[in-house]
C-alpha atoms as a PDB file:
ATOM      1  CA  MET A   1     126.272 100.798  95.901  1.00  0.00           C
ATOM      2  CA  SER A   2     123.837 102.036  98.517  1.00  0.00           C
ATOM      3  CA  LEU A   3     126.656 103.606 100.537  1.00  0.00           C
ATOM      4  CA  PHE A   4     127.702 105.598  97.470  1.00  0.00           C
ATOM      5  CA  ASP A   5     124.056 106.541  96.784  1.00  0.00           C
ATOM      6  CA  LYS A   6     123.620 107.759 100.364  1.00  0.00           C
ATOM      7  CA  PHE A   7     126.809 109.801 100.139  1.00  0.00           C
ATOM      8  CA  ILE A   8     125.688 111.381  96.854  1.00  0.00           C
ATOM      9  CA  ASP A   9     122.211 112.126  98.268  1.00  0.00           C
ATOM     10  CA  GLU A  10     123.794 113.927 101.201  1.00  0.00           C
ATOM     11  CA  ASN A  11     126.261 115.855  99.008  1.00  0.00           C
ATOM     12  CA  THR A  12     124.352 116.579  95.783  1.00  0.00           C
ATOM     13  CA  MET A  13     124.549 120.343  96.206  1.00  0.00           C
ATOM     14  CA  ASP A  14     128.345 120.083  96.401  1.00  0.00           C
ATOM     15  CA  LEU A  15     128.787 117.527  93.625  1.00  0.00           C
ATOM     16  CA  GLU A  16     130.948 119.809  91.488  1.00  0.00           C
ATOM     17  CA  ALA A  17     133.159 120.744  94.440  1.00  0.00           C
ATOM     18  CA  LEU A  18     133.390 117.071  95.351  1.00  0.00           C
ATOM     19  CA  PHE A  19     134.378 116.178  91.774  1.00  0.00           C
ATOM     20  CA  ASN A  20     137.027 118.884  91.763  1.00  0.00           C
ATOM     21  CA  ALA A  21     138.388 117.666  95.102  1.00  0.00           C
ATOM     22  CA  PHE A  22     138.666 114.130  93.708  1.00  0.00           C
ATOM     23  CA  ASP A  23     140.379 115.440  90.547  1.00  0.00           C
ATOM     24  CA  LYS A  24     143.860 115.716  92.063  1.00  0.00           C
ATOM     25  CA  ASP A  25     145.660 116.364  88.762  1.00  0.00           C
ATOM     26  CA  GLY A  26     143.147 119.001  87.586  1.00  0.00           C
ATOM     27  CA  SER A  27     142.581 117.178  84.291  1.00  0.00           C
ATOM     28  CA  GLY A  28     138.793 117.616  84.350  1.00  0.00           C
ATOM     29  CA  ASP A  29     138.136 113.910  84.650  1.00  0.00           C
ATOM     30  CA  LEU A  30     138.571 111.268  87.317  1.00  0.00           C
ATOM     31  CA  SER A  31     140.886 108.337  86.840  1.00  0.00           C
ATOM     32  CA  HIS A  32     140.293 105.022  88.560  1.00  0.00           C
ATOM     33  CA  ASP A  33     142.860 105.943  91.225  1.00  0.00           C
ATOM     34  CA  GLU A  34     141.428 109.440  91.790  1.00  0.00           C
ATOM     35  CA  MET A  35     137.957 107.974  92.247  1.00  0.00           C
ATOM     36  CA  LYS A  36     139.280 105.267  94.577  1.00  0.00           C
ATOM     37  CA  TYR A  37     141.233 107.682  96.783  1.00  0.00           C
ATOM     38  CA  GLY A  38     138.507 110.319  96.681  1.00  0.00           C
ATOM     39  CA  LEU A  39     135.886 107.848  97.861  1.00  0.00           C
ATOM     40  CA  LYS A  40     138.267 106.566 100.531  1.00  0.00           C
ATOM     41  CA  GLU A  41     138.875 110.138 101.778  1.00  0.00           C
ATOM     42  CA  ALA A  42     135.106 110.613 101.873  1.00  0.00           C
ATOM     43  CA  GLY A  43     134.785 107.510 104.054  1.00  0.00           C
ATOM     44  CA  ILE A  44     133.323 105.264 101.354  1.00  0.00           C
ATOM     45  CA  MET A  45     135.191 101.998 101.274  1.00  0.00           C
ATOM     46  CA  LEU A  46     134.484  99.947  98.160  1.00  0.00           C
ATOM     47  CA  THR A  47     136.079  96.728  97.073  1.00  0.00           C
ATOM     48  CA  SER A  48     138.021  96.758  93.815  1.00  0.00           C
ATOM     49  CA  LYS A  49     135.117  94.929  92.154  1.00  0.00           C
ATOM     50  CA  GLN A  50     132.558  97.442  93.462  1.00  0.00           C
ATOM     51  CA  LEU A  51     134.740 100.303  92.254  1.00  0.00           C
ATOM     52  CA  ASP A  52     135.090  98.685  88.821  1.00  0.00           C
ATOM     53  CA  VAL A  53     131.313  98.282  88.574  1.00  0.00           C
ATOM     54  CA  LEU A  54     130.754 101.891  89.660  1.00  0.00           C
ATOM     55  CA  LEU A  55     133.299 103.236  87.172  1.00  0.00           C
ATOM     56  CA  ASP A  56     131.801 101.116  84.400  1.00  0.00           C
ATOM     57  CA  GLU A  57     128.315 102.439  85.197  1.00  0.00           C
ATOM     58  CA  LEU A  58     129.474 106.055  85.255  1.00  0.00           C
ATOM     59  CA  ASP A  59     131.913 105.958  82.315  1.00  0.00           C
ATOM     60  CA  ALA A  60     129.346 106.398  79.534  1.00  0.00           C
ATOM     61  CA  ASP A  61     131.907 106.954  76.761  1.00  0.00           C
ATOM     62  CA  LYS A  62     134.113 104.086  78.019  1.00  0.00           C
ATOM     63  CA  SER A  63     137.201 106.312  78.018  1.00  0.00           C
ATOM     64  CA  GLY A  64     138.467 104.861  81.287  1.00  0.00           C
ATOM     65  CA  THR A  65     137.861 108.130  83.145  1.00  0.00           C
ATOM     66  CA  ILE A  66     134.803 109.901  84.535  1.00  0.00           C
ATOM     67  CA  GLU A  67     134.023 113.413  83.333  1.00  0.00           C
ATOM     68  CA  PHE A  68     131.825 115.643  85.498  1.00  0.00           C
ATOM     69  CA  SER A  69     128.937 115.369  83.015  1.00  0.00           C
ATOM     70  CA  GLU A  70     129.122 111.568  83.253  1.00  0.00           C
ATOM     71  CA  LEU A  71     129.083 111.723  87.046  1.00  0.00           C
ATOM     72  CA  LEU A  72     126.094 114.043  86.966  1.00  0.00           C
ATOM     73  CA  ASP A  73     124.255 111.886  84.408  1.00  0.00           C
ATOM     74  CA  GLY A  74     125.027 108.760  86.429  1.00  0.00           C
ATOM     75  CA  VAL A  75     123.810 110.288  89.672  1.00  0.00           C
ATOM     76  CA  ASN A  76     120.618 111.542  88.006  1.00  0.00           C
ATOM     77  CA  ALA A  77     120.003 108.150  86.372  1.00  0.00           C
ATOM     78  CA  ARG A  78     120.430 106.353  89.710  1.00  0.00           C
ATOM     79  CA  LYS A  79     118.004 108.784  91.370  1.00  0.00           C
ATOM     80  CA  GLU A  80     115.477 108.246  88.575  1.00  0.00           C
ATOM     81  CA  ILE A  81     115.742 104.462  88.925  1.00  0.00           C
ATOM     82  CA  LYS A  82     115.282 104.726  92.692  1.00  0.00           C
ATOM     83  CA  MET A  83     112.272 107.017  92.244  1.00  0.00           C
ATOM     84  CA  LYS A  84     110.644 104.651  89.724  1.00  0.00           C
ATOM     85  CA  ALA A  85     111.269 101.708  92.020  1.00  0.00           C
ATOM     86  CA  SER A  86     109.802 103.640  94.928  1.00  0.00           C
ATOM     87  CA  ASN A  87     106.720 104.561  92.912  1.00  0.00           C
ATOM     88  CA  SER A  88     106.397 100.987  91.691  1.00  0.00           C
ATOM     89  CA  ASP A  89     106.573  99.698  95.256  1.00  0.00           C
ATOM     90  CA  LYS A  90     103.821 102.071  96.300  1.00  0.00           C
ATOM     91  CA  LYS A  91     101.520 100.784  93.556  1.00  0.00           C
ATOM     92  CA  PHE A  92     101.798  97.243  94.826  1.00  0.00           C
ATOM     93  CA  ASP A  93     102.237  97.921  98.523  1.00  0.00           C
ATOM     94  CA  PHE A  94      99.784  95.636 100.245  1.00  0.00           C
ATOM     95  CA  ASN A  95     100.023  96.704 103.842  1.00  0.00           C
ATOM     96  CA  PHE A  96      98.609  93.715 105.673  1.00  0.00           C
ATOM     97  CA  LYS A  97      99.101  95.326 109.072  1.00  0.00           C
ATOM     98  CA  THR A  98      96.415  97.895 108.348  1.00  0.00           C
ATOM     99  CA  SER A  99      94.244  95.518 106.354  1.00  0.00           C
ATOM    100  CA  SER A 100      90.860  94.497 107.755  1.00  0.00           C
ATOM    101  CA  TYR A 101      91.710  90.882 106.946  1.00  0.00           C
ATOM    102  CA  PRO A 102      93.366  88.760 109.632  1.00  0.00           C
ATOM    103  CA  PRO A 103      96.897  87.470 109.013  1.00  0.00           C
ATOM    104  CA  LEU A 104      96.985  84.123 107.206  1.00  0.00           C
ATOM    105  CA  HIS A 105      98.393  82.282 110.221  1.00  0.00           C
ATOM    106  CA  LYS A 106      95.310  83.251 112.265  1.00  0.00           C
ATOM    107  CA  LEU A 107      92.807  81.940 109.731  1.00  0.00           C
ATOM    108  CA  LYS A 108      91.140  78.681 110.637  1.00  0.00           C
ATOM    109  CA  LEU A 109      90.865  76.557 107.560  1.00  0.00           C
ATOM    110  CA  SER A 110      88.528  73.602 107.738  1.00  0.00           C
END
């Protein structure tokens, strides 16, 4: 879902306007079809399986539709996961290029 994540990162300030644009029937929630066509209009092409996974992740109450609060919670949760992963990577980032030790392939083992 990195394409979706990138799109959301670039459009977070307009998330409510984006949701409303996707909500063609004005019902206050997004159906599977509204989400599919909205993402397509935004240039995000997902397979049916990817879309199903995305909808399942976002549809917290399992109603079959996405309310704005669920979209917002889902976006925030994905950002939090990415931030934790980023922080975790930094903890264990062994940058061998700047290390004072030579690369393993240059070591002469006797």
